[in-house]
């Protein structure tokens, strides 16, 4: 299968997901906290179902892994990894920083990824050996001469254990503290790819949370790894780092892991 065909298909998947999501955004949030009644759940399910329908028709042999409907195992070494709405709390708060994440993972390694923001009409596409594009135009991460100049982002403190939070704060305290960004989910990685952020640091991510981010960030000149600096693959433990400037890797890992660095 040619990468071009897979990228074209990923665009179709993103279009279908966006069409399913848009009617539910800022649609008036139910006061009931019933899972099945919330706009985000309706949007999530509809978007993933729409993407799965297309994949069943176009790539029936490939595995599909999605946040909402689990894993449908295929017969190839290729998996389509879907997160219809990454950033559900932002979605519910009416903030257009959530994203649809679509990744193609081959033998456990992400080779193609899409971050789609269907309200703002922004779509980042990254693939192995290619330059990442935002709406068809190339994007690039920015240089970061030293850690003290870096802007760091994370989705929020409540995603860290106490221990992980301590490590994060060790790192954050060595960056440009005044510019630290909270919230944003996948949108932070897109901003890093486009040169507006330097570091994103998170824990407890699932494969569908991060697989699409890797080709986008790396195709823009950045790097993604775990907290030890090792490359991310399907077996990674969910501790995720994104760096706009790979030259800062050692500084970041040292600040983050301190004595625990392996």
C-alpha atoms as a PDB file:
ATOM      1  CA  UNK A   1       0.000   0.000   0.000  1.00  0.00           C
ATOM      2  CA  UNK A   2       1.467   3.368  -0.991  1.00  0.00           C
ATOM      3  CA  UNK A   3       1.777   6.016   1.691  1.00  0.00           C
ATOM      4  CA  UNK A   4       0.034   8.481  -0.638  1.00  0.00           C
ATOM      5  CA  UNK A   5      -3.051   6.266  -0.678  1.00  0.00           C
ATOM      6  CA  UNK A   6      -2.997   5.956   3.100  1.00  0.00           C
ATOM      7  CA  UNK A   7      -2.684   9.733   3.496  1.00  0.00           C
ATOM      8  CA  UNK A   8      -5.586  10.300   1.094  1.00  0.00           C
ATOM      9  CA  UNK A   9      -7.641   7.822   3.095  1.00  0.00           C
ATOM     10  CA  UNK A  10      -6.715   9.546   6.363  1.00  0.00           C
ATOM     11  CA  UNK A  11      -8.041  12.821   4.911  1.00  0.00           C
ATOM     12  CA  UNK A  12     -11.343  11.084   4.153  1.00  0.00           C
ATOM     13  CA  UNK A  13     -11.467   9.707   7.683  1.00  0.00           C
ATOM     14  CA  UNK A  14     -10.812  13.161   9.161  1.00  0.00           C
ATOM     15  CA  UNK A  15     -13.506  14.715   6.945  1.00  0.00           C
ATOM     16  CA  UNK A  16     -16.031  12.094   8.054  1.00  0.00           C
ATOM     17  CA  UNK A  17     -15.146  12.522  11.722  1.00  0.00           C
ATOM     18  CA  UNK A  18     -15.424  16.311  11.501  1.00  0.00           C
ATOM     19  CA  UNK A  19     -18.847  16.099   9.880  1.00  0.00           C
ATOM     20  CA  UNK A  20     -20.008  13.836  12.705  1.00  0.00           C
ATOM     21  CA  UNK A  21     -18.560  16.046  15.449  1.00  0.00           C
ATOM     22  CA  UNK A  22     -19.506  19.567  14.354  1.00  0.00           C
ATOM     23  CA  UNK A  23     -23.278  19.396  15.069  1.00  0.00           C
ATOM     24  CA  UNK A  24     -22.576  18.431  18.690  1.00  0.00           C
ATOM     25  CA  UNK A  25     -20.019  21.157  19.498  1.00  0.00           C
ATOM     26  CA  UNK A  26     -21.475  23.887  21.774  1.00  0.00           C
ATOM     27  CA  UNK A  27     -24.832  22.213  21.259  1.00  0.00           C
ATOM     28  CA  UNK A  28     -26.030  22.945  24.796  1.00  0.00           C
ATOM     29  CA  UNK A  29     -24.599  20.653  27.421  1.00  0.00           C
ATOM     30  CA  UNK A  30     -27.025  18.423  29.288  1.00  0.00           C
ATOM     31  CA  UNK A  31     -27.091  18.978  33.033  1.00  0.00           C
ATOM     32  CA  UNK A  32     -27.433  15.229  33.464  1.00  0.00           C
ATOM     33  CA  UNK A  33     -24.105  13.549  33.941  1.00  0.00           C
ATOM     34  CA  UNK A  34     -25.305  10.356  32.271  1.00  0.00           C
ATOM     35  CA  UNK A  35     -22.498   9.156  30.021  1.00  0.00           C
ATOM     36  CA  UNK A  36     -24.829   8.293  27.135  1.00  0.00           C
ATOM     37  CA  UNK A  37     -26.467  11.707  27.034  1.00  0.00           C
ATOM     38  CA  UNK A  38     -23.491  14.041  26.830  1.00  0.00           C
ATOM     39  CA  UNK A  39     -22.739  15.807  23.535  1.00  0.00           C
ATOM     40  CA  UNK A  40     -19.156  14.602  23.675  1.00  0.00           C
ATOM     41  CA  UNK A  41     -20.229  10.968  23.873  1.00  0.00           C
ATOM     42  CA  UNK A  42     -22.625  11.352  20.958  1.00  0.00           C
ATOM     43  CA  UNK A  43     -19.942  13.102  18.915  1.00  0.00           C
ATOM     44  CA  UNK A  44     -17.215  10.614  19.902  1.00  0.00           C
ATOM     45  CA  UNK A  45     -19.240   7.585  18.935  1.00  0.00           C
ATOM     46  CA  UNK A  46     -20.615   9.032  15.732  1.00  0.00           C
ATOM     47  CA  UNK A  47     -17.145  10.112  14.615  1.00  0.00           C
ATOM     48  CA  UNK A  48     -15.498   6.782  15.361  1.00  0.00           C
ATOM     49  CA  UNK A  49     -18.342   4.849  13.705  1.00  0.00           C
ATOM     50  CA  UNK A  50     -18.001   6.995  10.589  1.00  0.00           C
ATOM     51  CA  UNK A  51     -14.246   6.343  10.422  1.00  0.00           C
ATOM     52  CA  UNK A  52     -14.658   2.605  11.052  1.00  0.00           C
ATOM     53  CA  UNK A  53     -17.225   2.312   8.253  1.00  0.00           C
ATOM     54  CA  UNK A  54     -14.751   3.771   5.770  1.00  0.00           C
ATOM     55  CA  UNK A  55     -11.895   1.574   7.005  1.00  0.00           C
ATOM     56  CA  UNK A  56     -14.051  -1.557   6.809  1.00  0.00           C
ATOM     57  CA  UNK A  57     -14.719  -0.758   3.160  1.00  0.00           C
ATOM     58  CA  UNK A  58     -11.234   0.434   2.188  1.00  0.00           C
ATOM     59  CA  UNK A  59      -8.835  -1.520   4.442  1.00  0.00           C
ATOM     60  CA  UNK A  60     -10.782  -4.604   5.577  1.00  0.00           C
ATOM     61  CA  UNK A  61      -7.601  -6.555   6.402  1.00  0.00           C
ATOM     62  CA  UNK A  62      -6.035  -3.938   8.688  1.00  0.00           C
ATOM     63  CA  UNK A  63      -6.461  -3.824  12.456  1.00  0.00           C
ATOM     64  CA  UNK A  64      -8.522  -0.921  13.816  1.00  0.00           C
ATOM     65  CA  UNK A  65      -7.936   0.376  17.342  1.00  0.00           C
ATOM     66  CA  UNK A  66     -10.267   3.081  18.609  1.00  0.00           C
ATOM     67  CA  UNK A  67     -10.946   4.745  21.917  1.00  0.00           C
ATOM     68  CA  UNK A  68     -14.695   4.157  21.803  1.00  0.00           C
ATOM     69  CA  UNK A  69     -15.089   0.707  20.250  1.00  0.00           C
ATOM     70  CA  UNK A  70     -11.867  -1.092  21.099  1.00  0.00           C
ATOM     71  CA  UNK A  71      -9.777  -3.276  18.816  1.00  0.00           C
ATOM     72  CA  UNK A  72     -10.858  -5.165  15.730  1.00  0.00           C
ATOM     73  CA  UNK A  73      -7.917  -7.364  14.863  1.00  0.00           C
ATOM     74  CA  UNK A  74      -6.963  -7.746  11.208  1.00  0.00           C
ATOM     75  CA  UNK A  75      -4.532  -9.974   9.363  1.00  0.00           C
ATOM     76  CA  UNK A  76      -1.862  -7.440   8.391  1.00  0.00           C
ATOM     77  CA  UNK A  77       0.957  -5.735  10.342  1.00  0.00           C
ATOM     78  CA  UNK A  78      -0.910  -2.419   9.989  1.00  0.00           C
ATOM     79  CA  UNK A  79      -3.167  -0.787  12.546  1.00  0.00           C
ATOM     80  CA  UNK A  80      -5.347   2.298  12.175  1.00  0.00           C
ATOM     81  CA  UNK A  81      -5.429   3.990  15.557  1.00  0.00           C
ATOM     82  CA  UNK A  82      -8.300   6.409  16.142  1.00  0.00           C
ATOM     83  CA  UNK A  83      -9.211   8.896  18.853  1.00  0.00           C
ATOM     84  CA  UNK A  84     -12.329  10.672  17.584  1.00  0.00           C
ATOM     85  CA  UNK A  85     -12.182  13.439  20.206  1.00  0.00           C
ATOM     86  CA  UNK A  86      -8.905  13.906  22.041  1.00  0.00           C
ATOM     87  CA  UNK A  87      -9.625  16.625  24.595  1.00  0.00           C
ATOM     88  CA  UNK A  88     -13.151  15.827  25.739  1.00  0.00           C
ATOM     89  CA  UNK A  89     -13.123  18.293  28.640  1.00  0.00           C
ATOM     90  CA  UNK A  90     -12.122  21.085  26.261  1.00  0.00           C
ATOM     91  CA  UNK A  91     -14.853  20.002  23.850  1.00  0.00           C
ATOM     92  CA  UNK A  92     -17.444  20.160  26.652  1.00  0.00           C
ATOM     93  CA  UNK A  93     -16.140  23.583  27.694  1.00  0.00           C
ATOM     94  CA  UNK A  94     -16.740  24.839  24.138  1.00  0.00           C
ATOM     95  CA  UNK A  95     -13.022  25.217  23.434  1.00  0.00           C
ATOM     96  CA  UNK A  96     -11.883  24.434  19.889  1.00  0.00           C
ATOM     97  CA  UNK A  97      -8.621  22.835  20.977  1.00  0.00           C
ATOM     98  CA  UNK A  98      -9.735  19.224  20.893  1.00  0.00           C
ATOM     99  CA  UNK A  99      -8.739  17.124  17.922  1.00  0.00           C
ATOM    100  CA  UNK A 100      -9.489  13.999  15.961  1.00  0.00           C
ATOM    101  CA  UNK A 101      -6.405  11.791  15.942  1.00  0.00           C
ATOM    102  CA  UNK A 102      -5.786   9.284  13.161  1.00  0.00           C
ATOM    103  CA  UNK A 103      -2.615   7.198  13.013  1.00  0.00           C
ATOM    104  CA  UNK A 104      -1.295   4.400  10.862  1.00  0.00           C
ATOM    105  CA  UNK A 105       0.922   2.130  12.939  1.00  0.00           C
ATOM    106  CA  UNK A 106       3.045  -0.525  11.198  1.00  0.00           C
ATOM    107  CA  UNK A 107       4.672  -3.254  13.299  1.00  0.00           C
ATOM    108  CA  UNK A 108       4.035  -1.120  16.379  1.00  0.00           C
ATOM    109  CA  UNK A 109       5.625   2.070  14.985  1.00  0.00           C
ATOM    110  CA  UNK A 110       3.567   5.117  13.916  1.00  0.00           C
ATOM    111  CA  UNK A 111       4.306   5.955  10.266  1.00  0.00           C
ATOM    112  CA  UNK A 112       1.524   8.451   9.517  1.00  0.00           C
ATOM    113  CA  UNK A 113      -0.546  10.755  11.694  1.00  0.00           C
ATOM    114  CA  UNK A 114      -3.275  13.365  11.424  1.00  0.00           C
ATOM    115  CA  UNK A 115      -4.322  15.949  14.026  1.00  0.00           C
ATOM    116  CA  UNK A 116      -7.584  17.504  12.848  1.00  0.00           C
ATOM    117  CA  UNK A 117      -9.346  20.441  14.508  1.00  0.00           C
ATOM    118  CA  UNK A 118     -12.724  20.417  12.738  1.00  0.00           C
ATOM    119  CA  UNK A 119     -14.070  23.703  14.149  1.00  0.00           C
ATOM    120  CA  UNK A 120     -11.070  25.886  13.290  1.00  0.00           C
ATOM    121  CA  UNK A 121     -10.544  23.936  10.063  1.00  0.00           C
ATOM    122  CA  UNK A 122      -6.929  23.082  10.882  1.00  0.00           C
ATOM    123  CA  UNK A 123      -5.373  19.794   9.832  1.00  0.00           C
ATOM    124  CA  UNK A 124      -1.809  18.695  10.496  1.00  0.00           C
ATOM    125  CA  UNK A 125      -0.560  15.702   8.519  1.00  0.00           C
ATOM    126  CA  UNK A 126       2.740  13.977   9.176  1.00  0.00           C
ATOM    127  CA  UNK A 127       4.277  10.873   7.618  1.00  0.00           C
ATOM    128  CA  UNK A 128       7.621   9.077   7.701  1.00  0.00           C
ATOM    129  CA  UNK A 129      10.163  10.763   5.461  1.00  0.00           C
ATOM    130  CA  UNK A 130       7.915  13.748   4.732  1.00  0.00           C
ATOM    131  CA  UNK A 131       7.617  17.295   5.956  1.00  0.00           C
ATOM    132  CA  UNK A 132       4.596  17.883   8.169  1.00  0.00           C
ATOM    133  CA  UNK A 133       1.922  20.118   6.671  1.00  0.00           C
ATOM    134  CA  UNK A 134      -0.819  22.261   8.155  1.00  0.00           C
ATOM    135  CA  UNK A 135      -3.591  22.608   5.581  1.00  0.00           C
ATOM    136  CA  UNK A 136      -1.115  21.740   2.832  1.00  0.00           C
ATOM    137  CA  UNK A 137       1.652  24.145   3.886  1.00  0.00           C
ATOM    138  CA  UNK A 138       4.870  22.925   5.529  1.00  0.00           C
ATOM    139  CA  UNK A 139       5.389  23.648   9.237  1.00  0.00           C
ATOM    140  CA  UNK A 140       8.546  23.603  11.298  1.00  0.00           C
ATOM    141  CA  UNK A 141       9.365  23.463  14.992  1.00  0.00           C
ATOM    142  CA  UNK A 142      11.478  26.271  16.426  1.00  0.00           C
ATOM    143  CA  UNK A 143      14.970  26.193  17.866  1.00  0.00           C
ATOM    144  CA  UNK A 144      15.395  26.449  21.623  1.00  0.00           C
ATOM    145  CA  UNK A 145      18.878  27.526  22.641  1.00  0.00           C
ATOM    146  CA  UNK A 146      18.519  26.630  26.318  1.00  0.00           C
ATOM    147  CA  UNK A 147      16.020  25.091  28.670  1.00  0.00           C
ATOM    148  CA  UNK A 148      15.467  28.394  30.469  1.00  0.00           C
ATOM    149  CA  UNK A 149      14.000  29.835  27.250  1.00  0.00           C
ATOM    150  CA  UNK A 150      11.608  26.929  26.683  1.00  0.00           C
ATOM    151  CA  UNK A 151       7.826  27.174  26.827  1.00  0.00           C
ATOM    152  CA  UNK A 152       6.382  23.961  28.272  1.00  0.00           C
ATOM    153  CA  UNK A 153       2.822  22.656  28.066  1.00  0.00           C
ATOM    154  CA  UNK A 154       0.830  19.861  29.667  1.00  0.00           C
ATOM    155  CA  UNK A 155      -2.865  19.094  29.675  1.00  0.00           C
ATOM    156  CA  UNK A 156      -3.191  19.334  33.436  1.00  0.00           C
ATOM    157  CA  UNK A 157      -1.859  18.370  36.853  1.00  0.00           C
ATOM    158  CA  UNK A 158      -4.698  15.909  37.470  1.00  0.00           C
ATOM    159  CA  UNK A 159      -3.277  13.569  34.815  1.00  0.00           C
ATOM    160  CA  UNK A 160      -0.103  13.013  36.867  1.00  0.00           C
ATOM    161  CA  UNK A 161       0.327  10.877  39.950  1.00  0.00           C
ATOM    162  CA  UNK A 162       1.944  12.762  42.834  1.00  0.00           C
ATOM    163  CA  UNK A 163       5.296  11.215  41.888  1.00  0.00           C
ATOM    164  CA  UNK A 164       4.935  12.053  38.177  1.00  0.00           C
ATOM    165  CA  UNK A 165       3.800  15.564  39.084  1.00  0.00           C
ATOM    166  CA  UNK A 166       6.958  16.083  41.112  1.00  0.00           C
ATOM    167  CA  UNK A 167       9.063  15.081  38.097  1.00  0.00           C
ATOM    168  CA  UNK A 168       7.056  17.365  35.812  1.00  0.00           C
ATOM    169  CA  UNK A 169       7.526  20.310  38.188  1.00  0.00           C
ATOM    170  CA  UNK A 170      11.282  19.610  38.348  1.00  0.00           C
ATOM    171  CA  UNK A 171      11.378  20.042  34.586  1.00  0.00           C
ATOM    172  CA  UNK A 172       8.877  22.915  34.414  1.00  0.00           C
ATOM    173  CA  UNK A 173      10.807  24.931  37.012  1.00  0.00           C
ATOM    174  CA  UNK A 174      13.832  24.964  34.687  1.00  0.00           C
ATOM    175  CA  UNK A 175      11.807  26.310  31.735  1.00  0.00           C
ATOM    176  CA  UNK A 176      10.338  29.794  31.233  1.00  0.00           C
ATOM    177  CA  UNK A 177       7.824  29.456  34.044  1.00  0.00           C
ATOM    178  CA  UNK A 178       5.798  32.548  33.156  1.00  0.00           C
ATOM    179  CA  UNK A 179       4.850  31.020  29.827  1.00  0.00           C
ATOM    180  CA  UNK A 180       3.806  27.567  31.018  1.00  0.00           C
ATOM    181  CA  UNK A 181       0.606  26.380  29.308  1.00  0.00           C
ATOM    182  CA  UNK A 182      -2.054  24.150  30.887  1.00  0.00           C
ATOM    183  CA  UNK A 183      -4.806  22.443  28.939  1.00  0.00           C
ATOM    184  CA  UNK A 184      -4.815  21.710  25.239  1.00  0.00           C
ATOM    185  CA  UNK A 185      -4.443  17.946  24.833  1.00  0.00           C
ATOM    186  CA  UNK A 186      -3.337  17.076  21.276  1.00  0.00           C
ATOM    187  CA  UNK A 187      -3.476  20.736  20.227  1.00  0.00           C
ATOM    188  CA  UNK A 188      -0.268  21.406  22.169  1.00  0.00           C
ATOM    189  CA  UNK A 189       1.637  18.947  19.984  1.00  0.00           C
ATOM    190  CA  UNK A 190       0.247  20.640  16.883  1.00  0.00           C
ATOM    191  CA  UNK A 191       1.380  24.007  18.267  1.00  0.00           C
ATOM    192  CA  UNK A 192       4.812  22.562  18.971  1.00  0.00           C
ATOM    193  CA  UNK A 193       4.996  21.252  15.394  1.00  0.00           C
ATOM    194  CA  UNK A 194       4.056  24.717  14.133  1.00  0.00           C
ATOM    195  CA  UNK A 195       6.778  26.389  16.201  1.00  0.00           C
ATOM    196  CA  UNK A 196       4.756  27.986  19.030  1.00  0.00           C
ATOM    197  CA  UNK A 197       5.780  25.719  21.935  1.00  0.00           C
ATOM    198  CA  UNK A 198       9.033  23.966  22.863  1.00  0.00           C
ATOM    199  CA  UNK A 199       8.158  21.057  25.171  1.00  0.00           C
ATOM    200  CA  UNK A 200       5.073  18.984  25.908  1.00  0.00           C
ATOM    201  CA  UNK A 201       5.281  16.541  28.801  1.00  0.00           C
ATOM    202  CA  UNK A 202       2.567  14.067  29.765  1.00  0.00           C
ATOM    203  CA  UNK A 203       1.935  10.745  31.500  1.00  0.00           C
ATOM    204  CA  UNK A 204      -0.717   8.023  31.364  1.00  0.00           C
ATOM    205  CA  UNK A 205      -1.361   8.370  27.634  1.00  0.00           C
ATOM    206  CA  UNK A 206      -2.802   5.456  25.645  1.00  0.00           C
ATOM    207  CA  UNK A 207      -1.611   4.451  22.174  1.00  0.00           C
ATOM    208  CA  UNK A 208      -4.565   6.289  20.586  1.00  0.00           C
ATOM    209  CA  UNK A 209      -3.615   9.467  22.499  1.00  0.00           C
ATOM    210  CA  UNK A 210      -0.083   9.692  21.109  1.00  0.00           C
ATOM    211  CA  UNK A 211       0.375   7.559  17.962  1.00  0.00           C
ATOM    212  CA  UNK A 212      -0.809  10.272  15.539  1.00  0.00           C
ATOM    213  CA  UNK A 213       1.314  12.918  17.238  1.00  0.00           C
ATOM    214  CA  UNK A 214       4.669  11.266  16.522  1.00  0.00           C
ATOM    215  CA  UNK A 215       4.761  11.616  12.701  1.00  0.00           C
ATOM    216  CA  UNK A 216       3.360  15.166  12.963  1.00  0.00           C
ATOM    217  CA  UNK A 217       5.991  16.338  15.458  1.00  0.00           C
ATOM    218  CA  UNK A 218       8.903  14.480  13.872  1.00  0.00           C
ATOM    219  CA  UNK A 219       8.011  15.535  10.331  1.00  0.00           C
ATOM    220  CA  UNK A 220       8.218  19.145  11.553  1.00  0.00           C
ATOM    221  CA  UNK A 221      11.754  18.644  12.868  1.00  0.00           C
ATOM    222  CA  UNK A 222      10.890  17.842  16.471  1.00  0.00           C
ATOM    223  CA  UNK A 223      11.181  14.591  18.365  1.00  0.00           C
ATOM    224  CA  UNK A 224       8.976  12.444  20.552  1.00  0.00           C
ATOM    225  CA  UNK A 225      10.094   9.920  23.140  1.00  0.00           C
ATOM    226  CA  UNK A 226       9.288   8.551  26.565  1.00  0.00           C
ATOM    227  CA  UNK A 227      10.584  10.128  29.788  1.00  0.00           C
ATOM    228  CA  UNK A 228      13.844   8.198  29.444  1.00  0.00           C
ATOM    229  CA  UNK A 229      14.415   9.551  25.943  1.00  0.00           C
ATOM    230  CA  UNK A 230      13.552   6.250  24.235  1.00  0.00           C
ATOM    231  CA  UNK A 231      11.457   6.202  21.022  1.00  0.00           C
ATOM    232  CA  UNK A 232       7.722   5.590  21.367  1.00  0.00           C
ATOM    233  CA  UNK A 233       6.216   2.350  20.049  1.00  0.00           C
ATOM    234  CA  UNK A 234       3.066   0.336  20.763  1.00  0.00           C
ATOM    235  CA  UNK A 235       4.640  -1.113  23.926  1.00  0.00           C
ATOM    236  CA  UNK A 236       5.564   2.264  25.490  1.00  0.00           C
ATOM    237  CA  UNK A 237       4.267   3.026  28.983  1.00  0.00           C
ATOM    238  CA  UNK A 238       2.406   6.262  28.273  1.00  0.00           C
ATOM    239  CA  UNK A 239       5.016   8.711  29.576  1.00  0.00           C
ATOM    240  CA  UNK A 240       5.358  11.064  26.619  1.00  0.00           C
ATOM    241  CA  UNK A 241       7.711  13.930  25.795  1.00  0.00           C
ATOM    242  CA  UNK A 242       7.645  16.114  22.701  1.00  0.00           C
ATOM    243  CA  UNK A 243      10.538  18.455  21.929  1.00  0.00           C
ATOM    244  CA  UNK A 244      10.558  21.112  19.258  1.00  0.00           C
ATOM    245  CA  UNK A 245      14.349  21.172  19.345  1.00  0.00           C
ATOM    246  CA  UNK A 246      15.904  17.685  19.635  1.00  0.00           C
ATOM    247  CA  UNK A 247      19.169  19.324  20.781  1.00  0.00           C
ATOM    248  CA  UNK A 248      17.504  19.871  24.184  1.00  0.00           C
ATOM    249  CA  UNK A 249      16.797  16.162  24.771  1.00  0.00           C
ATOM    250  CA  UNK A 250      19.530  15.505  27.332  1.00  0.00           C
ATOM    251  CA  UNK A 251      18.718  18.683  29.283  1.00  0.00           C
ATOM    252  CA  UNK A 252      15.026  17.813  29.372  1.00  0.00           C
ATOM    253  CA  UNK A 253      15.432  14.160  30.372  1.00  0.00           C
ATOM    254  CA  UNK A 254      17.974  15.089  33.046  1.00  0.00           C
ATOM    255  CA  UNK A 255      15.703  17.776  34.504  1.00  0.00           C
ATOM    256  CA  UNK A 256      12.669  15.492  34.356  1.00  0.00           C
ATOM    257  CA  UNK A 257      14.144  12.255  35.648  1.00  0.00           C
ATOM    258  CA  UNK A 258      16.921  13.574  37.867  1.00  0.00           C
ATOM    259  CA  UNK A 259      18.565  10.620  39.598  1.00  0.00           C
ATOM    260  CA  UNK A 260      16.132   8.169  38.037  1.00  0.00           C
ATOM    261  CA  UNK A 261      17.518   8.500  34.518  1.00  0.00           C
ATOM    262  CA  UNK A 262      18.445   5.132  33.037  1.00  0.00           C
END
